[in-house]
Amino acid sequence: MTLHDARTFNVPRTAGTWPAARVNEARAVIADVAHHSDHLVRLACNILVTHGENDTERRDARALLFVIDARRSQRQRHIEQSEPEAGQ
């Protein structure tokens, strides 16, 4: 655990601070989307869709969520096509 990570656990969680911190973390994930899993990107998009600062940010998060979900469906179809059928 890095020093930065340890400090985040000591920050008091008041009603006004935690949503802002989660939104900032979601923005960081979206900014570096190539280095994060689809699951984490999906979570970040859901946070921004719900708690985004403006309409543009919420719309962009919905668009990225659509792309991530479409990519997952394509991967799932590929996996299903490459698996041998049980009857053969």
N, C-alpha and C. Protein backbone atom coordinates (compact mmCIF):
# COMPACT_ATOMS: atom_id res chain seq x y z
N MET A 1 0.85 -1.17 0.00
CA MET A 1 0.00 0.00 0.00
C MET A 1 0.90 1.23 0.00
N THR A 2 0.62 2.17 -0.85
CA THR A 2 1.43 3.38 -0.91
C THR A 2 0.98 4.37 0.14
N LEU A 3 1.79 5.37 0.37
CA LEU A 3 1.45 6.40 1.34
C LEU A 3 0.18 7.13 0.94
N HIS A 4 0.04 7.37 -0.34
CA HIS A 4 -1.17 8.05 -0.83
C HIS A 4 -2.42 7.23 -0.51
N ASP A 5 -2.35 5.92 -0.72
CA ASP A 5 -3.49 5.06 -0.44
C ASP A 5 -3.83 5.07 1.05
N ALA A 6 -2.82 5.07 1.90
CA ALA A 6 -3.05 5.04 3.35
C ALA A 6 -3.73 6.32 3.82
N ARG A 7 -3.41 7.44 3.22
CA ARG A 7 -4.03 8.70 3.63
C ARG A 7 -5.51 8.77 3.28
N THR A 8 -5.91 8.13 2.20
CA THR A 8 -7.31 8.22 1.81
C THR A 8 -8.22 7.53 2.81
N PHE A 9 -7.71 6.53 3.53
CA PHE A 9 -8.53 5.84 4.53
C PHE A 9 -8.75 6.69 5.78
N ASN A 10 -7.87 7.66 6.02
CA ASN A 10 -7.98 8.49 7.21
C ASN A 10 -8.84 9.73 7.01
N VAL A 11 -9.30 9.98 5.81
CA VAL A 11 -10.13 11.15 5.53
C VAL A 11 -11.52 10.91 6.10
N PRO A 12 -12.04 11.83 6.92
CA PRO A 12 -13.39 11.63 7.46
C PRO A 12 -14.43 11.64 6.34
N ARG A 13 -15.35 10.72 6.37
CA ARG A 13 -16.36 10.58 5.34
C ARG A 13 -17.64 11.31 5.77
N THR A 14 -17.73 12.55 5.41
CA THR A 14 -18.95 13.30 5.71
C THR A 14 -19.88 13.19 4.53
N ALA A 15 -21.10 13.62 4.71
CA ALA A 15 -22.11 13.47 3.67
C ALA A 15 -21.72 14.19 2.39
N GLY A 16 -20.97 15.28 2.48
CA GLY A 16 -20.64 16.06 1.29
C GLY A 16 -19.34 15.68 0.62
N THR A 17 -18.44 14.97 1.32
CA THR A 17 -17.12 14.71 0.73
C THR A 17 -17.05 13.42 -0.08
N TRP A 18 -17.77 12.38 0.32
CA TRP A 18 -17.58 11.11 -0.39
C TRP A 18 -18.08 11.13 -1.82
N PRO A 19 -19.23 11.77 -2.15
CA PRO A 19 -19.61 11.75 -3.58
C PRO A 19 -18.59 12.48 -4.45
N ALA A 20 -18.06 13.59 -3.98
CA ALA A 20 -17.08 14.33 -4.77
C ALA A 20 -15.82 13.50 -4.98
N ALA A 21 -15.40 12.79 -3.95
CA ALA A 21 -14.20 11.95 -4.08
C ALA A 21 -14.44 10.81 -5.06
N ARG A 22 -15.60 10.18 -5.01
CA ARG A 22 -15.91 9.08 -5.94
C ARG A 22 -16.02 9.60 -7.37
N VAL A 23 -16.60 10.78 -7.56
CA VAL A 23 -16.70 11.35 -8.91
C VAL A 23 -15.30 11.65 -9.45
N ASN A 24 -14.44 12.18 -8.61
CA ASN A 24 -13.06 12.44 -9.05
C ASN A 24 -12.33 11.14 -9.42
N GLU A 25 -12.53 10.10 -8.64
CA GLU A 25 -11.92 8.80 -8.97
C GLU A 25 -12.49 8.26 -10.28
N ALA A 26 -13.79 8.41 -10.49
CA ALA A 26 -14.41 7.95 -11.73
C ALA A 26 -13.84 8.71 -12.92
N ARG A 27 -13.64 10.00 -12.76
CA ARG A 27 -13.04 10.80 -13.84
C ARG A 27 -11.62 10.33 -14.15
N ALA A 28 -10.88 9.97 -13.12
CA ALA A 28 -9.51 9.48 -13.33
C ALA A 28 -9.51 8.16 -14.10
N VAL A 29 -10.46 7.28 -13.78
CA VAL A 29 -10.56 6.01 -14.49
C VAL A 29 -10.90 6.25 -15.96
N ILE A 30 -11.85 7.14 -16.20
CA ILE A 30 -12.26 7.43 -17.58
C ILE A 30 -11.12 8.09 -18.35
N ALA A 31 -10.35 8.94 -17.69
CA ALA A 31 -9.23 9.61 -18.35
C ALA A 31 -8.15 8.63 -18.79
N ASP A 32 -8.05 7.50 -18.09
CA ASP A 32 -7.03 6.50 -18.41
C ASP A 32 -7.70 5.16 -18.71
N VAL A 33 -8.72 5.21 -19.54
CA VAL A 33 -9.58 4.06 -19.79
C VAL A 33 -8.82 2.86 -20.37
N ALA A 34 -7.76 3.10 -21.08
CA ALA A 34 -7.01 2.01 -21.71
C ALA A 34 -6.30 1.12 -20.69
N HIS A 35 -6.08 1.63 -19.49
CA HIS A 35 -5.35 0.88 -18.47
C HIS A 35 -6.23 0.31 -17.37
N HIS A 36 -7.54 0.33 -17.59
CA HIS A 36 -8.47 -0.18 -16.58
C HIS A 36 -9.37 -1.24 -17.20
N SER A 37 -9.85 -2.14 -16.37
CA SER A 37 -10.72 -3.21 -16.85
C SER A 37 -12.08 -2.66 -17.26
N ASP A 38 -12.77 -3.40 -18.11
CA ASP A 38 -14.10 -2.99 -18.53
C ASP A 38 -15.04 -2.86 -17.34
N HIS A 39 -14.88 -3.74 -16.36
CA HIS A 39 -15.74 -3.69 -15.18
C HIS A 39 -15.55 -2.37 -14.42
N LEU A 40 -14.30 -1.96 -14.22
CA LEU A 40 -14.03 -0.72 -13.52
C LEU A 40 -14.50 0.48 -14.33
N VAL A 41 -14.32 0.44 -15.64
CA VAL A 41 -14.79 1.54 -16.49
C VAL A 41 -16.31 1.62 -16.43
N ARG A 42 -16.98 0.47 -16.42
CA ARG A 42 -18.44 0.45 -16.33
C ARG A 42 -18.91 1.09 -15.01
N LEU A 43 -18.23 0.76 -13.91
CA LEU A 43 -18.56 1.37 -12.62
C LEU A 43 -18.36 2.88 -12.65
N ALA A 44 -17.24 3.31 -13.22
CA ALA A 44 -16.95 4.74 -13.31
C ALA A 44 -18.01 5.46 -14.16
N CYS A 45 -18.39 4.84 -15.26
CA CYS A 45 -19.44 5.44 -16.11
C CYS A 45 -20.75 5.56 -15.35
N ASN A 46 -21.12 4.53 -14.61
CA ASN A 46 -22.37 4.59 -13.85
C ASN A 46 -22.34 5.71 -12.82
N ILE A 47 -21.19 5.93 -12.19
CA ILE A 47 -21.06 7.02 -11.23
C ILE A 47 -21.22 8.36 -11.93
N LEU A 48 -20.58 8.53 -13.08
CA LEU A 48 -20.66 9.80 -13.79
C LEU A 48 -22.04 10.03 -14.39
N VAL A 49 -22.71 8.97 -14.82
CA VAL A 49 -24.08 9.13 -15.33
C VAL A 49 -24.99 9.64 -14.22
N THR A 50 -24.77 9.15 -13.02
CA THR A 50 -25.62 9.52 -11.89
C THR A 50 -25.20 10.84 -11.26
N HIS A 51 -23.91 11.04 -11.07
CA HIS A 51 -23.43 12.19 -10.30
C HIS A 51 -22.59 13.16 -11.13
N GLY A 52 -22.64 13.08 -12.43
CA GLY A 52 -21.83 13.95 -13.28
C GLY A 52 -22.17 15.42 -13.06
N GLU A 53 -21.17 16.26 -13.30
CA GLU A 53 -21.30 17.69 -13.02
C GLU A 53 -22.25 18.39 -13.98
N ASN A 54 -22.25 17.97 -15.25
CA ASN A 54 -23.11 18.65 -16.24
C ASN A 54 -23.65 17.64 -17.24
N ASP A 55 -24.51 18.12 -18.12
CA ASP A 55 -25.15 17.23 -19.10
C ASP A 55 -24.13 16.60 -20.05
N THR A 56 -23.12 17.35 -20.42
CA THR A 56 -22.12 16.82 -21.35
C THR A 56 -21.36 15.66 -20.72
N GLU A 57 -20.96 15.80 -19.47
CA GLU A 57 -20.23 14.73 -18.80
C GLU A 57 -21.11 13.49 -18.65
N ARG A 58 -22.37 13.67 -18.30
CA ARG A 58 -23.28 12.53 -18.16
C ARG A 58 -23.55 11.87 -19.51
N ARG A 59 -23.70 12.67 -20.56
CA ARG A 59 -23.93 12.12 -21.91
C ARG A 59 -22.71 11.33 -22.39
N ASP A 60 -21.51 11.87 -22.17
CA ASP A 60 -20.29 11.17 -22.58
C ASP A 60 -20.11 9.86 -21.82
N ALA A 61 -20.47 9.86 -20.54
CA ALA A 61 -20.38 8.63 -19.74
C ALA A 61 -21.37 7.59 -20.26
N ARG A 62 -22.58 8.02 -20.62
CA ARG A 62 -23.56 7.08 -21.19
C ARG A 62 -23.06 6.51 -22.51
N ALA A 63 -22.42 7.34 -23.33
CA ALA A 63 -21.90 6.88 -24.61
C ALA A 63 -20.78 5.85 -24.41
N LEU A 64 -19.88 6.11 -23.46
CA LEU A 64 -18.81 5.15 -23.19
C LEU A 64 -19.37 3.87 -22.61
N LEU A 65 -20.37 3.97 -21.78
CA LEU A 65 -21.02 2.79 -21.22
C LEU A 65 -21.63 1.95 -22.33
N PHE A 66 -22.23 2.60 -23.32
CA PHE A 66 -22.80 1.91 -24.47
C PHE A 66 -21.71 1.16 -25.24
N VAL A 67 -20.56 1.81 -25.43
CA VAL A 67 -19.46 1.18 -26.16
C VAL A 67 -18.91 -0.02 -25.38
N ILE A 68 -18.73 0.13 -24.08
CA ILE A 68 -18.21 -0.97 -23.25
C ILE A 68 -19.18 -2.15 -23.28
N ASP A 69 -20.48 -1.88 -23.16
CA ASP A 69 -21.46 -2.96 -23.19
C ASP A 69 -21.50 -3.63 -24.56
N ALA A 70 -21.37 -2.86 -25.62
CA ALA A 70 -21.38 -3.44 -26.97
C ALA A 70 -20.14 -4.31 -27.18
N ARG A 71 -19.02 -3.89 -26.65
CA ARG A 71 -17.79 -4.67 -26.77
C ARG A 71 -17.90 -5.98 -26.01
N ARG A 72 -18.54 -5.94 -24.86
CA ARG A 72 -18.72 -7.16 -24.07
C ARG A 72 -19.59 -8.15 -24.83
N SER A 73 -20.64 -7.69 -25.45
CA SER A 73 -21.52 -8.57 -26.21
C SER A 73 -20.77 -9.21 -27.37
N GLN A 74 -19.94 -8.44 -28.04
CA GLN A 74 -19.16 -8.97 -29.15
C GLN A 74 -18.18 -10.04 -28.65
N ARG A 75 -17.53 -9.81 -27.53
CA ARG A 75 -16.62 -10.81 -26.98
C ARG A 75 -17.37 -12.07 -26.60
N GLN A 76 -18.55 -11.91 -26.00
CA GLN A 76 -19.34 -13.06 -25.59
C GLN A 76 -19.76 -13.88 -26.80
N ARG A 77 -20.15 -13.21 -27.89
CA ARG A 77 -20.51 -13.94 -29.12
C ARG A 77 -19.31 -14.70 -29.65
N HIS A 78 -18.13 -14.11 -29.60
CA HIS A 78 -16.92 -14.76 -30.08
C HIS A 78 -16.62 -16.01 -29.24
N ILE A 79 -16.77 -15.89 -27.94
CA ILE A 79 -16.52 -17.03 -27.05
C ILE A 79 -17.51 -18.15 -27.35
N GLU A 80 -18.78 -17.81 -27.53
CA GLU A 80 -19.80 -18.82 -27.80
C GLU A 80 -19.55 -19.51 -29.14
N GLN A 81 -19.07 -18.78 -30.14
CA GLN A 81 -18.81 -19.37 -31.44
C GLN A 81 -17.58 -20.28 -31.40
N SER A 82 -16.61 -19.97 -30.56
CA SER A 82 -15.38 -20.76 -30.54
C SER A 82 -15.49 -22.01 -29.66
N GLU A 83 -16.51 -22.08 -28.78
CA GLU A 83 -16.71 -23.25 -27.95
C GLU A 83 -17.36 -24.36 -28.76
N PRO A 84 -16.89 -25.59 -28.63
CA PRO A 84 -17.54 -26.70 -29.34
C PRO A 84 -18.91 -26.97 -28.73
N GLU A 85 -19.84 -27.30 -29.59
CA GLU A 85 -21.19 -27.60 -29.11
C GLU A 85 -21.20 -28.94 -28.38
N ALA A 86 -22.08 -29.05 -27.40
CA ALA A 86 -22.11 -30.24 -26.54
C ALA A 86 -22.53 -31.50 -27.31
N GLY A 87 -23.33 -31.38 -28.35
CA GLY A 87 -23.84 -32.53 -29.07
C GLY A 87 -22.86 -33.15 -30.05
N GLN A 88 -21.75 -32.51 -30.31
CA GLN A 88 -20.83 -33.02 -31.33
C GLN A 88 -19.74 -33.85 -30.76
